[in-house]
């Protein structure tokens, strides 16, 4: 094998290793969706951190076909894997004190207008799970497509759409922490892919 063949083989091997790392992380996070375990979450995030650092430091660019496969898997991992990551971070942030609602929101106690009435629970931030998936897909696609400014549009739309529901401290905290965890995960996954296919 001559030097030119070796130079062409290295990016293919790198693409294979990153593809395997993304797939491993995706499988582990699919398992973690059912039961959030810290060890499983950390094990699933480790390959992404290694891929991101490696892609940032090493100058290898993968072939276009491998890049397309990495992009598809990266978007899937950003979207699906972000759900258990965001839920794990939210649980760590509030110690599991805020109960989840049946429609993807959170249950908060609202005081009634008259002192005689008992406080009632209401679900706010409904559809948060679905919105999280969409936000991570949009973020990953924006980064991989080379247009990260689109993330500002995603955040602005989400903030404007949720503004009226952010009256309670629990809602504000959950909104900020969940959004940041979700965006950070999608950016890390998509960034590791984008650095290899540029």
N, C-alpha and C. Protein backbone atom coordinates (compact mmCIF):
# COMPACT_ATOMS: atom_id res chain seq x y z
N UNK A 1 0.85 -1.17 0.00
CA UNK A 1 0.00 0.00 0.00
C UNK A 1 0.90 1.24 0.00
N UNK A 2 0.65 2.10 -0.97
CA UNK A 2 1.47 3.31 -1.05
C UNK A 2 0.88 4.42 -0.18
N UNK A 3 1.57 5.56 -0.12
CA UNK A 3 1.17 6.67 0.75
C UNK A 3 -0.16 7.27 0.32
N UNK A 4 -0.43 7.32 -0.98
CA UNK A 4 -1.70 7.90 -1.46
C UNK A 4 -2.88 7.04 -1.03
N UNK A 5 -2.73 5.72 -1.11
CA UNK A 5 -3.80 4.82 -0.66
C UNK A 5 -4.05 4.96 0.85
N UNK A 6 -2.96 5.08 1.59
CA UNK A 6 -3.08 5.24 3.05
C UNK A 6 -3.79 6.55 3.39
N UNK A 7 -3.47 7.61 2.64
CA UNK A 7 -4.11 8.91 2.88
C UNK A 7 -5.61 8.86 2.58
N UNK A 8 -6.02 8.05 1.61
CA UNK A 8 -7.44 7.91 1.29
C UNK A 8 -8.15 6.97 2.26
N UNK A 9 -7.41 6.02 2.82
CA UNK A 9 -8.00 5.05 3.73
C UNK A 9 -8.30 5.66 5.11
N UNK A 10 -7.48 6.57 5.56
CA UNK A 10 -7.64 7.16 6.89
C UNK A 10 -9.00 7.83 7.05
N UNK A 11 -9.46 8.70 6.11
CA UNK A 11 -10.79 9.30 6.29
C UNK A 11 -11.93 8.28 6.30
N UNK A 12 -11.78 7.20 5.55
CA UNK A 12 -12.81 6.15 5.55
C UNK A 12 -12.85 5.46 6.91
N UNK A 13 -11.70 5.19 7.48
CA UNK A 13 -11.64 4.57 8.80
C UNK A 13 -12.20 5.52 9.86
N UNK A 14 -11.84 6.80 9.75
CA UNK A 14 -12.36 7.80 10.69
C UNK A 14 -13.89 7.84 10.60
N UNK A 15 -14.43 7.85 9.39
CA UNK A 15 -15.88 7.87 9.20
C UNK A 15 -16.52 6.63 9.83
N UNK A 16 -15.90 5.49 9.65
CA UNK A 16 -16.43 4.26 10.24
C UNK A 16 -16.43 4.30 11.76
N UNK A 17 -15.35 4.81 12.34
CA UNK A 17 -15.26 4.91 13.80
C UNK A 17 -16.32 5.88 14.34
N UNK A 18 -16.47 7.03 13.69
CA UNK A 18 -17.46 8.02 14.14
C UNK A 18 -18.88 7.46 13.95
N UNK A 19 -19.12 6.79 12.84
CA UNK A 19 -20.43 6.17 12.61
C UNK A 19 -20.75 5.16 13.71
N UNK A 20 -19.78 4.35 14.07
CA UNK A 20 -19.96 3.37 15.14
C UNK A 20 -20.19 4.07 16.48
N UNK A 21 -19.48 5.16 16.74
CA UNK A 21 -19.66 5.90 17.99
C UNK A 21 -21.05 6.51 18.07
N UNK A 22 -21.52 7.10 16.97
CA UNK A 22 -22.85 7.69 16.95
C UNK A 22 -23.93 6.63 17.13
N UNK A 23 -23.75 5.51 16.47
CA UNK A 23 -24.71 4.41 16.58
C UNK A 23 -24.75 3.85 18.00
N UNK A 24 -23.58 3.70 18.61
CA UNK A 24 -23.51 3.21 19.99
C UNK A 24 -24.22 4.17 20.93
N UNK A 25 -23.96 5.45 20.76
CA UNK A 25 -24.61 6.45 21.60
C UNK A 25 -26.13 6.43 21.40
N UNK A 26 -26.58 6.29 20.16
CA UNK A 26 -28.00 6.25 19.88
C UNK A 26 -28.67 5.05 20.56
N UNK A 27 -28.05 3.90 20.46
CA UNK A 27 -28.62 2.69 21.09
C UNK A 27 -28.69 2.86 22.60
N UNK A 28 -27.61 3.36 23.20
CA UNK A 28 -27.60 3.54 24.65
C UNK A 28 -28.66 4.54 25.10
N UNK A 29 -28.86 5.60 24.32
CA UNK A 29 -29.86 6.60 24.71
C UNK A 29 -31.28 6.11 24.46
N UNK A 30 -31.47 5.24 23.48
CA UNK A 30 -32.79 4.63 23.31
C UNK A 30 -33.13 3.76 24.51
N UNK A 31 -32.14 3.05 25.03
CA UNK A 31 -32.34 2.27 26.24
C UNK A 31 -32.61 3.20 27.43
N UNK A 32 -31.90 4.31 27.48
CA UNK A 32 -32.04 5.25 28.60
C UNK A 32 -33.38 5.98 28.59
N UNK A 33 -34.07 5.99 27.46
CA UNK A 33 -35.38 6.68 27.42
C UNK A 33 -36.36 6.07 28.40
N UNK A 34 -36.28 4.76 28.59
CA UNK A 34 -37.22 4.09 29.49
C UNK A 34 -36.89 4.37 30.96
N UNK A 35 -35.61 4.38 31.26
CA UNK A 35 -35.20 4.58 32.66
C UNK A 35 -33.93 5.40 32.67
N UNK A 36 -34.01 6.59 33.21
CA UNK A 36 -32.86 7.49 33.24
C UNK A 36 -31.88 7.04 34.31
N UNK A 37 -30.75 6.55 33.85
CA UNK A 37 -29.68 6.16 34.77
C UNK A 37 -28.44 6.96 34.43
N UNK A 38 -27.84 7.52 35.44
CA UNK A 38 -26.70 8.41 35.25
C UNK A 38 -25.56 7.70 34.53
N UNK A 39 -25.24 6.49 34.92
CA UNK A 39 -24.15 5.76 34.28
C UNK A 39 -24.40 5.53 32.80
N UNK A 40 -25.61 5.20 32.46
CA UNK A 40 -25.97 4.97 31.06
C UNK A 40 -25.91 6.27 30.26
N UNK A 41 -26.40 7.36 30.83
CA UNK A 41 -26.36 8.65 30.15
C UNK A 41 -24.92 9.09 29.92
N UNK A 42 -24.08 8.97 30.94
CA UNK A 42 -22.68 9.38 30.80
C UNK A 42 -21.93 8.49 29.81
N UNK A 43 -22.23 7.21 29.80
CA UNK A 43 -21.60 6.30 28.84
C UNK A 43 -22.02 6.65 27.42
N UNK A 44 -23.27 7.06 27.25
CA UNK A 44 -23.77 7.41 25.92
C UNK A 44 -23.21 8.74 25.44
N UNK A 45 -22.91 9.66 26.34
CA UNK A 45 -22.39 10.97 25.92
C UNK A 45 -20.89 10.95 25.68
N UNK A 46 -20.19 10.02 26.28
CA UNK A 46 -18.73 9.96 26.12
C UNK A 46 -18.28 9.85 24.66
N UNK A 47 -18.87 8.97 23.84
CA UNK A 47 -18.44 8.91 22.45
C UNK A 47 -18.64 10.22 21.68
N UNK A 48 -19.68 10.96 22.04
CA UNK A 48 -19.94 12.22 21.35
C UNK A 48 -18.88 13.25 21.71
N UNK A 49 -18.51 13.29 22.98
CA UNK A 49 -17.46 14.22 23.41
C UNK A 49 -16.14 13.87 22.71
N UNK A 50 -15.81 12.59 22.66
CA UNK A 50 -14.57 12.16 22.00
C UNK A 50 -14.62 12.50 20.51
N UNK A 51 -15.74 12.25 19.86
CA UNK A 51 -15.87 12.58 18.42
C UNK A 51 -15.76 14.07 18.18
N UNK A 52 -16.38 14.87 19.03
CA UNK A 52 -16.34 16.32 18.86
C UNK A 52 -14.92 16.85 19.02
N UNK A 53 -14.23 16.40 20.06
CA UNK A 53 -12.85 16.84 20.27
C UNK A 53 -11.96 16.34 19.14
N UNK A 54 -12.11 15.08 18.77
CA UNK A 54 -11.30 14.52 17.69
C UNK A 54 -11.53 15.22 16.37
N UNK A 55 -12.77 15.50 16.05
CA UNK A 55 -13.09 16.18 14.78
C UNK A 55 -12.58 17.61 14.78
N UNK A 56 -12.55 18.24 15.95
CA UNK A 56 -12.06 19.62 16.03
C UNK A 56 -10.54 19.68 15.91
N UNK A 57 -9.85 18.66 16.39
CA UNK A 57 -8.39 18.66 16.43
C UNK A 57 -7.77 18.08 15.15
N UNK A 58 -8.36 17.02 14.65
CA UNK A 58 -7.77 16.31 13.51
C UNK A 58 -8.37 16.82 12.20
N UNK A 59 -7.55 17.01 11.19
CA UNK A 59 -8.02 17.65 9.95
C UNK A 59 -8.62 16.71 8.90
N UNK A 60 -9.05 15.52 9.26
CA UNK A 60 -9.56 14.60 8.26
C UNK A 60 -10.98 14.94 7.85
N UNK A 61 -11.22 14.84 6.57
CA UNK A 61 -12.56 15.04 6.01
C UNK A 61 -13.00 13.73 5.39
N UNK A 62 -14.21 13.32 5.72
CA UNK A 62 -14.68 12.02 5.25
C UNK A 62 -15.23 12.14 3.83
N UNK A 63 -15.28 11.02 3.10
CA UNK A 63 -15.84 11.02 1.74
C UNK A 63 -17.33 11.42 1.77
N UNK A 64 -17.85 11.96 0.67
CA UNK A 64 -19.23 12.46 0.63
C UNK A 64 -20.29 11.43 1.02
N UNK A 65 -20.17 10.20 0.55
CA UNK A 65 -21.17 9.19 0.89
C UNK A 65 -21.16 8.88 2.38
N UNK A 66 -19.99 8.77 2.96
CA UNK A 66 -19.88 8.55 4.41
C UNK A 66 -20.39 9.78 5.15
N UNK A 67 -20.14 10.96 4.61
CA UNK A 67 -20.63 12.19 5.22
C UNK A 67 -22.15 12.24 5.25
N UNK A 68 -22.78 11.77 4.18
CA UNK A 68 -24.25 11.74 4.15
C UNK A 68 -24.80 10.79 5.21
N UNK A 69 -24.17 9.63 5.35
CA UNK A 69 -24.60 8.67 6.38
C UNK A 69 -24.40 9.26 7.77
N UNK A 70 -23.26 9.92 7.98
CA UNK A 70 -23.01 10.55 9.28
C UNK A 70 -24.02 11.65 9.57
N UNK A 71 -24.37 12.43 8.55
CA UNK A 71 -25.34 13.52 8.73
C UNK A 71 -26.71 12.97 9.13
N UNK A 72 -27.16 11.93 8.44
CA UNK A 72 -28.46 11.34 8.77
C UNK A 72 -28.48 10.76 10.18
N UNK A 73 -27.44 10.02 10.51
CA UNK A 73 -27.36 9.43 11.85
C UNK A 73 -27.19 10.52 12.90
N UNK A 74 -26.45 11.56 12.58
CA UNK A 74 -26.26 12.66 13.51
C UNK A 74 -27.55 13.38 13.83
N UNK A 75 -28.37 13.63 12.82
CA UNK A 75 -29.67 14.30 13.06
C UNK A 75 -30.57 13.40 13.89
N UNK A 76 -30.58 12.11 13.59
CA UNK A 76 -31.40 11.18 14.38
C UNK A 76 -30.93 11.13 15.83
N UNK A 77 -29.62 11.07 16.04
CA UNK A 77 -29.09 11.03 17.40
C UNK A 77 -29.36 12.34 18.13
N UNK A 78 -29.22 13.45 17.44
CA UNK A 78 -29.50 14.75 18.08
C UNK A 78 -30.95 14.83 18.52
N UNK A 79 -31.86 14.39 17.67
CA UNK A 79 -33.30 14.48 17.98
C UNK A 79 -33.72 13.49 19.04
N UNK A 80 -33.46 12.22 18.82
CA UNK A 80 -33.94 11.17 19.71
C UNK A 80 -33.12 11.12 21.00
N UNK A 81 -31.81 11.23 20.87
CA UNK A 81 -30.96 11.15 22.05
C UNK A 81 -31.09 12.34 22.97
N UNK A 82 -31.54 13.46 22.44
CA UNK A 82 -31.69 14.64 23.26
C UNK A 82 -32.80 14.54 24.28
N UNK A 83 -33.79 13.69 24.04
CA UNK A 83 -34.90 13.54 24.98
C UNK A 83 -34.43 13.01 26.33
N UNK A 84 -33.75 11.86 26.39
CA UNK A 84 -33.30 11.41 27.72
C UNK A 84 -32.23 12.33 28.32
N UNK A 85 -31.42 12.95 27.48
CA UNK A 85 -30.41 13.88 28.00
C UNK A 85 -31.11 15.06 28.68
N UNK A 86 -32.06 15.68 28.00
CA UNK A 86 -32.76 16.84 28.57
C UNK A 86 -33.53 16.45 29.83
N UNK A 87 -34.20 15.31 29.81
CA UNK A 87 -34.95 14.88 31.00
C UNK A 87 -34.01 14.61 32.17
N UNK A 88 -32.83 14.03 31.89
CA UNK A 88 -31.85 13.75 32.93
C UNK A 88 -31.33 15.05 33.54
N UNK A 89 -31.02 16.02 32.70
CA UNK A 89 -30.54 17.32 33.19
C UNK A 89 -31.64 18.02 33.99
N UNK A 90 -32.87 17.98 33.50
CA UNK A 90 -33.98 18.61 34.23
C UNK A 90 -34.20 17.95 35.59
N UNK A 91 -34.10 16.64 35.62
CA UNK A 91 -34.26 15.93 36.90
C UNK A 91 -33.14 16.30 37.87
N UNK A 92 -31.92 16.42 37.34
CA UNK A 92 -30.80 16.82 38.19
C UNK A 92 -30.95 18.26 38.67
N UNK A 93 -31.51 19.12 37.84
CA UNK A 93 -31.65 20.53 38.18
C UNK A 93 -32.65 20.77 39.30
N UNK A 94 -33.76 20.04 39.29
CA UNK A 94 -34.77 20.30 40.32
C UNK A 94 -34.93 19.14 41.31
N UNK A 95 -34.06 18.17 41.24
CA UNK A 95 -34.10 17.06 42.18
C UNK A 95 -35.32 16.17 42.02
N UNK A 96 -35.97 16.24 40.86
CA UNK A 96 -37.15 15.42 40.61
C UNK A 96 -38.40 15.92 41.31
N UNK A 97 -38.38 17.17 41.77
CA UNK A 97 -39.53 17.72 42.51
C UNK A 97 -40.69 18.13 41.61
N UNK A 98 -40.42 18.44 40.35
CA UNK A 98 -41.49 18.90 39.46
C UNK A 98 -42.05 17.71 38.69
N UNK A 99 -43.32 17.35 38.94
CA UNK A 99 -43.89 16.18 38.27
C UNK A 99 -44.20 16.46 36.79
N UNK A 100 -44.00 15.45 35.98
CA UNK A 100 -44.33 15.55 34.56
C UNK A 100 -45.83 15.40 34.37
N UNK A 101 -46.35 16.13 33.40
CA UNK A 101 -47.76 16.04 33.07
C UNK A 101 -47.99 14.98 32.01
N UNK A 102 -49.24 14.59 31.79
CA UNK A 102 -49.53 13.53 30.82
C UNK A 102 -49.34 13.96 29.36
N UNK A 103 -49.28 15.27 29.09
CA UNK A 103 -49.15 15.75 27.71
C UNK A 103 -47.79 16.40 27.43
N UNK A 104 -46.76 15.95 28.13
CA UNK A 104 -45.41 16.43 27.86
C UNK A 104 -45.05 17.72 28.54
N UNK A 105 -45.87 18.19 29.47
CA UNK A 105 -45.58 19.42 30.20
C UNK A 105 -45.20 19.11 31.63
N UNK A 106 -45.41 20.10 32.50
CA UNK A 106 -45.16 19.89 33.92
C UNK A 106 -46.41 20.30 34.69
N UNK A 107 -46.58 19.70 35.86
CA UNK A 107 -47.70 20.03 36.72
C UNK A 107 -47.24 21.04 37.76
N UNK A 108 -47.94 22.17 37.83
CA UNK A 108 -47.63 23.19 38.83
C UNK A 108 -48.90 23.49 39.61
N UNK A 109 -48.69 23.90 40.85
CA UNK A 109 -49.81 24.27 41.69
C UNK A 109 -50.14 25.73 41.48
N UNK A 110 -51.36 26.00 41.13
CA UNK A 110 -51.81 27.38 40.95
C UNK A 110 -52.73 27.75 42.08
N UNK A 111 -52.50 28.91 42.63
CA UNK A 111 -53.35 29.39 43.71
C UNK A 111 -54.66 29.88 43.11
N UNK A 112 -55.74 29.62 43.81
CA UNK A 112 -57.04 30.06 43.32
C UNK A 112 -57.25 31.54 43.68
N UNK A 113 -58.23 32.13 43.04
CA UNK A 113 -58.49 33.55 43.23
C UNK A 113 -59.14 33.84 44.58
N UNK A 114 -59.84 32.90 45.11
CA UNK A 114 -60.47 33.10 46.42
C UNK A 114 -59.78 32.20 47.44
N UNK A 115 -59.58 32.70 48.64
CA UNK A 115 -58.88 31.91 49.66
C UNK A 115 -59.61 30.63 50.06
N UNK A 116 -60.91 30.57 49.85
CA UNK A 116 -61.68 29.39 50.24
C UNK A 116 -61.40 28.20 49.34
N UNK A 117 -61.03 28.47 48.09
CA UNK A 117 -60.76 27.38 47.16
C UNK A 117 -59.36 26.82 47.38
N UNK A 118 -59.25 25.53 47.23
CA UNK A 118 -57.95 24.88 47.38
C UNK A 118 -57.09 25.12 46.14
N UNK A 119 -55.77 25.12 46.30
CA UNK A 119 -54.92 25.25 45.11
C UNK A 119 -55.16 24.07 44.17
N UNK A 120 -55.00 24.31 42.90
CA UNK A 120 -55.23 23.24 41.91
C UNK A 120 -53.97 23.06 41.07
N UNK A 121 -53.83 21.85 40.56
CA UNK A 121 -52.70 21.56 39.69
C UNK A 121 -53.12 21.78 38.24
N UNK A 122 -52.21 22.38 37.49
CA UNK A 122 -52.46 22.59 36.08
C UNK A 122 -51.19 22.22 35.31
N UNK A 123 -51.39 21.64 34.15
CA UNK A 123 -50.24 21.29 33.31
C UNK A 123 -49.89 22.49 32.43
N UNK A 124 -48.64 22.91 32.53
CA UNK A 124 -48.15 23.99 31.67
C UNK A 124 -46.98 23.46 30.84
N UNK A 125 -46.59 24.22 29.87
CA UNK A 125 -45.53 23.84 28.93
C UNK A 125 -45.87 22.52 28.24
N UNK A 126 -47.18 22.36 27.92
CA UNK A 126 -47.62 21.15 27.24
C UNK A 126 -46.92 21.04 25.89
N UNK A 127 -46.73 19.82 25.46
CA UNK A 127 -46.09 19.58 24.17
C UNK A 127 -44.59 19.79 24.21
N UNK A 128 -44.02 19.91 25.39
CA UNK A 128 -42.59 20.18 25.51
C UNK A 128 -41.72 19.09 24.89
N UNK A 129 -42.15 17.85 24.99
CA UNK A 129 -41.38 16.76 24.40
C UNK A 129 -41.34 16.89 22.89
N UNK A 130 -42.48 17.13 22.28
CA UNK A 130 -42.55 17.28 20.82
C UNK A 130 -41.77 18.51 20.36
N UNK A 131 -41.92 19.60 21.08
CA UNK A 131 -41.19 20.82 20.74
C UNK A 131 -39.68 20.57 20.85
N UNK A 132 -39.28 19.82 21.86
CA UNK A 132 -37.86 19.49 22.03
C UNK A 132 -37.31 18.71 20.84
N UNK A 133 -38.07 17.73 20.36
CA UNK A 133 -37.63 16.97 19.18
C UNK A 133 -37.46 17.91 17.98
N UNK A 134 -38.44 18.74 17.76
CA UNK A 134 -38.38 19.66 16.62
C UNK A 134 -37.23 20.65 16.75
N UNK A 135 -37.02 21.15 17.94
CA UNK A 135 -35.93 22.11 18.16
C UNK A 135 -34.57 21.46 17.91
N UNK A 136 -34.39 20.21 18.35
CA UNK A 136 -33.11 19.53 18.13
C UNK A 136 -32.90 19.18 16.66
N UNK A 137 -33.96 18.79 15.96
CA UNK A 137 -33.84 18.52 14.52
C UNK A 137 -33.43 19.79 13.79
N UNK A 138 -34.11 20.90 14.09
CA UNK A 138 -33.80 22.17 13.43
C UNK A 138 -32.37 22.61 13.75
N UNK A 139 -31.95 22.45 14.99
CA UNK A 139 -30.60 22.84 15.39
C UNK A 139 -29.55 22.00 14.67
N UNK A 140 -29.75 20.69 14.67
CA UNK A 140 -28.78 19.80 14.01
C UNK A 140 -28.70 20.09 12.52
N UNK A 141 -29.85 20.25 11.88
CA UNK A 141 -29.84 20.54 10.44
C UNK A 141 -29.17 21.88 10.16
N UNK A 142 -29.40 22.87 10.99
CA UNK A 142 -28.79 24.19 10.79
C UNK A 142 -27.27 24.10 10.89
N UNK A 143 -26.77 23.36 11.86
CA UNK A 143 -25.32 23.25 12.02
C UNK A 143 -24.71 22.43 10.89
N UNK A 144 -25.30 21.32 10.56
CA UNK A 144 -24.75 20.46 9.50
C UNK A 144 -24.81 21.16 8.15
N UNK A 145 -25.87 21.94 7.92
CA UNK A 145 -26.00 22.67 6.65
C UNK A 145 -25.11 23.90 6.59
N UNK A 146 -24.46 24.23 7.71
CA UNK A 146 -23.57 25.38 7.72
C UNK A 146 -24.27 26.70 7.92
N UNK A 147 -25.45 26.68 8.54
CA UNK A 147 -26.20 27.90 8.79
C UNK A 147 -26.62 27.96 10.25
N UNK A 148 -25.63 28.06 11.17
CA UNK A 148 -25.96 28.02 12.59
C UNK A 148 -26.77 29.22 13.07
N UNK A 149 -26.83 30.30 12.29
CA UNK A 149 -27.64 31.46 12.69
C UNK A 149 -29.12 31.10 12.78
N UNK A 150 -29.53 30.04 12.12
CA UNK A 150 -30.93 29.61 12.17
C UNK A 150 -31.33 29.17 13.58
N UNK A 151 -30.35 28.84 14.40
CA UNK A 151 -30.65 28.44 15.79
C UNK A 151 -31.29 29.62 16.54
N UNK A 152 -30.88 30.83 16.22
CA UNK A 152 -31.47 32.01 16.86
C UNK A 152 -32.96 32.10 16.54
N UNK A 153 -33.34 31.73 15.34
CA UNK A 153 -34.75 31.75 14.95
C UNK A 153 -35.52 30.70 15.76
N UNK A 154 -34.92 29.53 15.92
CA UNK A 154 -35.56 28.46 16.69
C UNK A 154 -35.80 28.91 18.13
N UNK A 155 -34.77 29.49 18.74
CA UNK A 155 -34.89 29.93 20.13
C UNK A 155 -35.92 31.06 20.25
N UNK A 156 -35.90 31.98 19.30
CA UNK A 156 -36.86 33.09 19.34
C UNK A 156 -38.30 32.59 19.20
N UNK A 157 -38.53 31.67 18.27
CA UNK A 157 -39.88 31.12 18.11
C UNK A 157 -40.34 30.41 19.37
N UNK A 158 -39.45 29.66 19.96
CA UNK A 158 -39.81 28.93 21.17
C UNK A 158 -40.10 29.90 22.31
N UNK A 159 -39.28 30.93 22.46
CA UNK A 159 -39.49 31.90 23.53
C UNK A 159 -40.78 32.68 23.37
N UNK A 160 -41.07 33.11 22.16
CA UNK A 160 -42.31 33.85 21.91
C UNK A 160 -43.52 32.95 22.13
N UNK A 161 -43.43 31.72 21.66
CA UNK A 161 -44.56 30.80 21.80
C UNK A 161 -44.84 30.41 23.24
N UNK A 162 -43.83 30.41 24.07
CA UNK A 162 -43.99 29.98 25.47
C UNK A 162 -44.11 31.14 26.45
N UNK A 163 -43.99 32.37 25.99
CA UNK A 163 -43.91 33.53 26.88
C UNK A 163 -45.02 33.57 27.92
N UNK A 164 -46.25 33.33 27.51
CA UNK A 164 -47.37 33.44 28.45
C UNK A 164 -47.39 32.34 29.50
N UNK A 165 -46.68 31.25 29.27
CA UNK A 165 -46.67 30.14 30.21
C UNK A 165 -45.54 30.22 31.23
N UNK A 166 -44.73 31.26 31.17
CA UNK A 166 -43.55 31.34 32.01
C UNK A 166 -43.78 32.19 33.27
N UNK A 167 -44.98 32.15 33.82
CA UNK A 167 -45.32 32.97 34.98
C UNK A 167 -44.77 32.39 36.28
N UNK A 168 -44.64 31.07 36.36
CA UNK A 168 -44.17 30.46 37.61
C UNK A 168 -42.66 30.21 37.55
N UNK A 169 -41.99 30.23 38.70
CA UNK A 169 -40.55 29.95 38.72
C UNK A 169 -40.23 28.55 38.17
N UNK A 170 -41.08 27.58 38.47
CA UNK A 170 -40.83 26.21 37.97
C UNK A 170 -40.86 26.17 36.45
N UNK A 171 -41.79 26.91 35.87
CA UNK A 171 -41.90 26.93 34.41
C UNK A 171 -40.69 27.62 33.78
N UNK A 172 -40.27 28.74 34.36
CA UNK A 172 -39.11 29.45 33.82
C UNK A 172 -37.85 28.59 33.91
N UNK A 173 -37.66 27.97 35.07
CA UNK A 173 -36.47 27.13 35.25
C UNK A 173 -36.48 25.95 34.28
N UNK A 174 -37.60 25.31 34.17
CA UNK A 174 -37.70 24.14 33.28
C UNK A 174 -37.49 24.56 31.82
N UNK A 175 -38.04 25.70 31.44
CA UNK A 175 -37.89 26.20 30.07
C UNK A 175 -36.43 26.48 29.76
N UNK A 176 -35.75 27.19 30.64
CA UNK A 176 -34.36 27.57 30.38
C UNK A 176 -33.44 26.36 30.43
N UNK A 177 -33.54 25.57 31.47
CA UNK A 177 -32.66 24.41 31.62
C UNK A 177 -32.91 23.40 30.50
N UNK A 178 -34.16 23.11 30.22
CA UNK A 178 -34.49 22.15 29.16
C UNK A 178 -34.03 22.61 27.80
N UNK A 179 -34.24 23.88 27.49
CA UNK A 179 -33.82 24.41 26.20
C UNK A 179 -32.31 24.37 26.06
N UNK A 180 -31.59 24.80 27.09
CA UNK A 180 -30.13 24.78 27.01
C UNK A 180 -29.57 23.36 26.89
N UNK A 181 -30.12 22.42 27.67
CA UNK A 181 -29.66 21.04 27.58
C UNK A 181 -29.92 20.46 26.19
N UNK A 182 -31.10 20.74 25.67
CA UNK A 182 -31.49 20.25 24.36
C UNK A 182 -30.60 20.83 23.26
N UNK A 183 -30.40 22.14 23.30
CA UNK A 183 -29.57 22.80 22.28
C UNK A 183 -28.11 22.38 22.38
N UNK A 184 -27.61 22.23 23.60
CA UNK A 184 -26.22 21.82 23.78
C UNK A 184 -25.99 20.42 23.22
N UNK A 185 -26.91 19.51 23.49
CA UNK A 185 -26.79 18.14 22.97
C UNK A 185 -26.82 18.14 21.43
N UNK A 186 -27.81 18.80 20.86
CA UNK A 186 -27.93 18.82 19.40
C UNK A 186 -26.73 19.48 18.76
N UNK A 187 -26.20 20.52 19.39
CA UNK A 187 -25.03 21.21 18.84
C UNK A 187 -23.78 20.34 18.92
N UNK A 188 -23.62 19.61 20.01
CA UNK A 188 -22.45 18.74 20.14
C UNK A 188 -22.47 17.62 19.11
N UNK A 189 -23.62 16.99 18.94
CA UNK A 189 -23.73 15.90 17.96
C UNK A 189 -23.53 16.44 16.54
N UNK A 190 -24.26 17.48 16.21
CA UNK A 190 -24.19 18.03 14.85
C UNK A 190 -22.82 18.65 14.59
N UNK A 191 -22.22 19.24 15.60
CA UNK A 191 -20.88 19.82 15.44
C UNK A 191 -19.84 18.77 15.13
N UNK A 192 -19.92 17.62 15.79
CA UNK A 192 -18.95 16.55 15.52
C UNK A 192 -19.09 16.02 14.09
N UNK A 193 -20.31 16.02 13.58
CA UNK A 193 -20.54 15.58 12.20
C UNK A 193 -20.10 16.67 11.21
N UNK A 194 -20.50 17.91 11.50
CA UNK A 194 -20.20 19.01 10.58
C UNK A 194 -18.69 19.21 10.39
N UNK A 195 -17.93 19.03 11.45
CA UNK A 195 -16.48 19.20 11.35
C UNK A 195 -15.83 18.15 10.45
N UNK A 196 -16.48 17.00 10.31
CA UNK A 196 -15.93 15.95 9.47
C UNK A 196 -16.37 16.03 8.01
N UNK A 197 -17.46 16.74 7.75
CA UNK A 197 -17.96 16.76 6.37
C UNK A 197 -17.77 18.09 5.67
N UNK A 198 -17.14 19.04 6.34
CA UNK A 198 -16.92 20.37 5.74
C UNK A 198 -16.03 20.24 4.53
